[in-house]
Structures are given as C-alpha cells and as structure tokens.
N, C-alpha and C. Protein backbone atom coordinates (compact mmCIF):
# COMPACT_ATOMS: atom_id res chain seq x y z
N MET A 1 24.56 53.52 -64.91
CA MET A 1 24.84 54.13 -64.53
C MET A 1 25.60 55.55 -65.55
N ALA A 2 24.33 56.91 -65.64
CA ALA A 2 24.12 58.18 -65.92
C ALA A 2 26.12 58.74 -65.73
N ASN A 3 26.47 58.79 -66.95
CA ASN A 3 27.88 60.28 -67.00
C ASN A 3 27.46 61.81 -66.89
N ILE A 4 28.54 62.58 -66.12
CA ILE A 4 28.20 63.94 -66.77
C ILE A 4 29.96 64.18 -66.52
N LYS A 5 29.42 64.60 -68.01
CA LYS A 5 30.83 65.40 -68.81
C LYS A 5 31.16 66.85 -67.47
N ILE A 6 32.28 67.01 -67.51
CA ILE A 6 32.28 68.27 -66.53
C ILE A 6 33.74 69.21 -67.57
N LYS A 7 33.45 70.34 -67.71
CA LYS A 7 34.82 71.18 -68.47
C LYS A 7 35.82 71.96 -67.00
N LEU A 8 35.99 73.09 -67.47
CA LEU A 8 36.53 74.06 -66.64
C LEU A 8 37.36 74.46 -67.42
N VAL A 9 36.12 75.49 -67.00
CA VAL A 9 36.50 76.73 -68.56
C VAL A 9 36.56 78.90 -67.60
N LYS A 10 37.09 78.05 -66.47
CA LYS A 10 37.32 79.25 -65.63
C LYS A 10 39.28 79.08 -65.38
N SER A 11 40.08 79.79 -64.80
CA SER A 11 41.37 80.19 -63.86
C SER A 11 41.30 79.56 -62.02
N LEU A 12 42.00 78.40 -62.28
CA LEU A 12 42.25 78.43 -60.85
C LEU A 12 42.78 78.75 -60.06
N ASN A 13 43.64 79.84 -60.98
CA ASN A 13 44.03 80.81 -60.15
C ASN A 13 44.07 82.28 -59.38
N GLY A 14 44.62 81.48 -57.87
CA GLY A 14 43.67 83.07 -57.22
C GLY A 14 42.83 82.51 -56.30
N ARG A 15 42.12 81.17 -56.06
CA ARG A 15 41.00 80.35 -56.01
C ARG A 15 41.15 79.72 -54.57
N HIS A 16 40.47 79.17 -53.45
CA HIS A 16 40.42 78.70 -52.69
C HIS A 16 41.16 77.94 -52.56
N ALA A 17 41.83 77.05 -51.48
CA ALA A 17 42.40 76.09 -52.18
C ALA A 17 41.77 74.84 -51.85
N LYS A 18 40.34 75.33 -50.65
CA LYS A 18 39.49 74.12 -50.54
C LYS A 18 39.56 73.47 -52.04
N HIS A 19 38.50 74.93 -53.53
CA HIS A 19 38.40 75.23 -54.35
C HIS A 19 39.43 74.78 -55.39
N ILE A 20 40.52 74.85 -55.00
CA ILE A 20 41.39 73.17 -56.20
C ILE A 20 41.59 72.74 -55.92
N ALA A 21 41.98 72.44 -54.16
CA ALA A 21 41.97 70.42 -54.68
C ALA A 21 40.25 69.72 -55.16
N THR A 22 39.15 70.76 -54.88
CA THR A 22 38.48 69.66 -55.48
C THR A 22 37.97 69.63 -57.19
N ALA A 23 38.57 70.63 -57.79
CA ALA A 23 39.01 70.49 -59.30
C ALA A 23 39.98 69.40 -58.83
N HIS A 24 40.92 69.20 -58.77
CA HIS A 24 42.08 69.10 -58.88
C HIS A 24 41.39 66.83 -58.00
N SER A 25 40.10 66.95 -57.66
CA SER A 25 40.14 65.41 -56.85
C SER A 25 39.13 65.20 -58.18
N LEU A 26 38.63 65.77 -59.37
CA LEU A 26 38.01 65.76 -60.74
C LEU A 26 38.18 65.42 -61.99
N GLY A 27 40.18 66.28 -61.24
CA GLY A 27 41.29 65.93 -63.04
C GLY A 27 40.58 66.46 -63.24
N LEU A 28 40.26 68.26 -62.57
CA LEU A 28 40.58 68.87 -64.02
C LEU A 28 41.68 70.21 -63.48
N LYS A 29 42.81 70.53 -64.41
CA LYS A 29 43.92 70.30 -63.44
C LYS A 29 44.33 72.22 -64.60
N LYS A 30 43.75 72.60 -65.82
CA LYS A 30 43.70 72.99 -66.17
C LYS A 30 42.98 74.16 -66.48
N ILE A 31 42.52 74.76 -68.03
CA ILE A 31 41.72 75.94 -68.81
C ILE A 31 41.79 74.36 -69.72
N GLY A 32 40.14 75.17 -69.16
CA GLY A 32 39.51 73.25 -70.53
C GLY A 32 39.77 72.26 -71.05
N ASN A 33 40.50 71.43 -69.69
CA ASN A 33 39.97 69.81 -69.48
C ASN A 33 38.91 70.10 -69.14
N GLU A 34 38.83 68.27 -69.80
CA GLU A 34 37.99 68.52 -69.72
C GLU A 34 37.17 66.19 -68.63
N THR A 35 36.49 65.81 -68.43
CA THR A 35 36.63 64.68 -67.35
C THR A 35 35.28 64.25 -67.56
N VAL A 36 34.57 62.33 -67.78
CA VAL A 36 33.91 62.30 -67.79
C VAL A 36 33.80 61.19 -65.90
N GLN A 37 32.80 61.62 -65.35
CA GLN A 37 32.34 61.34 -63.81
C GLN A 37 31.26 60.63 -63.17
N PRO A 38 31.08 60.03 -62.96
CA PRO A 38 29.23 58.76 -62.97
C PRO A 38 28.32 60.15 -61.80
N ASP A 39 27.12 59.99 -62.33
CA ASP A 39 26.29 60.88 -61.43
C ASP A 39 26.45 60.01 -60.22
N ASN A 40 26.49 61.35 -59.64
CA ASN A 40 26.22 60.20 -58.58
C ASN A 40 26.60 61.45 -57.32
N PRO A 41 25.79 61.21 -55.35
CA PRO A 41 25.83 62.35 -55.35
C PRO A 41 27.37 62.91 -54.99
N GLN A 42 27.98 62.05 -55.17
CA GLN A 42 29.69 62.70 -54.29
C GLN A 42 30.06 63.93 -55.84
N THR A 43 29.47 63.05 -57.32
CA THR A 43 30.29 63.85 -57.98
C THR A 43 29.21 65.35 -57.30
N ARG A 44 28.10 65.73 -57.95
CA ARG A 44 26.78 66.42 -57.58
C ARG A 44 27.86 67.45 -56.16
N GLY A 45 27.97 67.16 -55.84
CA GLY A 45 28.57 67.92 -54.02
C GLY A 45 29.54 68.96 -54.72
N LYS A 46 30.90 68.05 -55.48
CA LYS A 46 31.32 68.55 -56.21
C LYS A 46 31.28 70.11 -56.55
N ILE A 47 30.98 69.54 -57.64
CA ILE A 47 30.65 70.63 -59.24
C ILE A 47 29.34 71.15 -57.81
N ALA A 48 28.58 71.01 -57.50
CA ALA A 48 28.18 72.84 -56.50
C ALA A 48 28.67 73.45 -55.76
N GLN A 49 29.83 72.61 -55.38
CA GLN A 49 30.31 73.98 -54.45
C GLN A 49 31.68 74.66 -55.52
N ILE A 50 31.99 74.04 -56.96
CA ILE A 50 33.08 75.40 -57.58
C ILE A 50 32.25 75.23 -59.28
N GLY A 51 31.22 75.09 -59.00
CA GLY A 51 30.44 74.93 -59.95
C GLY A 51 30.51 76.31 -61.06
N TYR A 52 30.91 77.16 -60.29
CA TYR A 52 30.56 78.57 -61.36
C TYR A 52 32.66 78.85 -61.48
N LEU A 53 33.48 77.61 -61.33
CA LEU A 53 34.99 77.68 -62.74
C LEU A 53 34.65 76.27 -63.74
N LEU A 54 32.85 74.94 -63.81
CA LEU A 54 32.69 74.49 -64.67
C LEU A 54 31.71 74.83 -65.69
N GLN A 55 31.98 73.46 -66.89
CA GLN A 55 30.62 73.48 -67.57
C GLN A 55 30.20 72.42 -67.28
N VAL A 56 28.84 71.89 -66.78
CA VAL A 56 28.98 70.61 -67.11
C VAL A 56 27.55 70.43 -67.88
N THR A 57 27.34 69.73 -68.74
CA THR A 57 27.26 68.52 -69.45
C THR A 57 26.65 67.02 -68.91
N GLU A 58 25.23 66.75 -69.43
CA GLU A 58 25.21 65.60 -68.46
C GLU A 58 24.20 64.22 -69.54
N GLU A 59 25.59 63.16 -69.98
CA GLU A 59 25.67 62.35 -71.19
C GLU A 59 24.79 61.07 -71.19
C-alpha cells in the first residue's frame, strides 16, 4: 500500500478549531513537522480540508 508524506508548512495560529484538530489527528503540531500516512480515503479527506497548510509528497 502506498504512503503519503505530509509536512506542515503554515502556522496553526488563528485557524478554525476543526482545522487545528485535523492537523493534530495527522500528527502535525508545529511548523516543519512531517509524518507518513497511508494513502486512503480518510487521509485524503483530511488533506483536502487543510491542504492550504500542508506540503504533500507521495512515496
């Protein structure tokens, strides 16, 4: 199964509470944090919601 590498590139300060919660559910808390997640519909939905804060690369 493929994985996706996700990096937080913009601050969470002043964002909607749901967007902050989504970032935390992906394991991202500070600018520069990276995580590797499975490429599935749940992860893609989270990326779609807060994509403006992220840098995504497929592995």
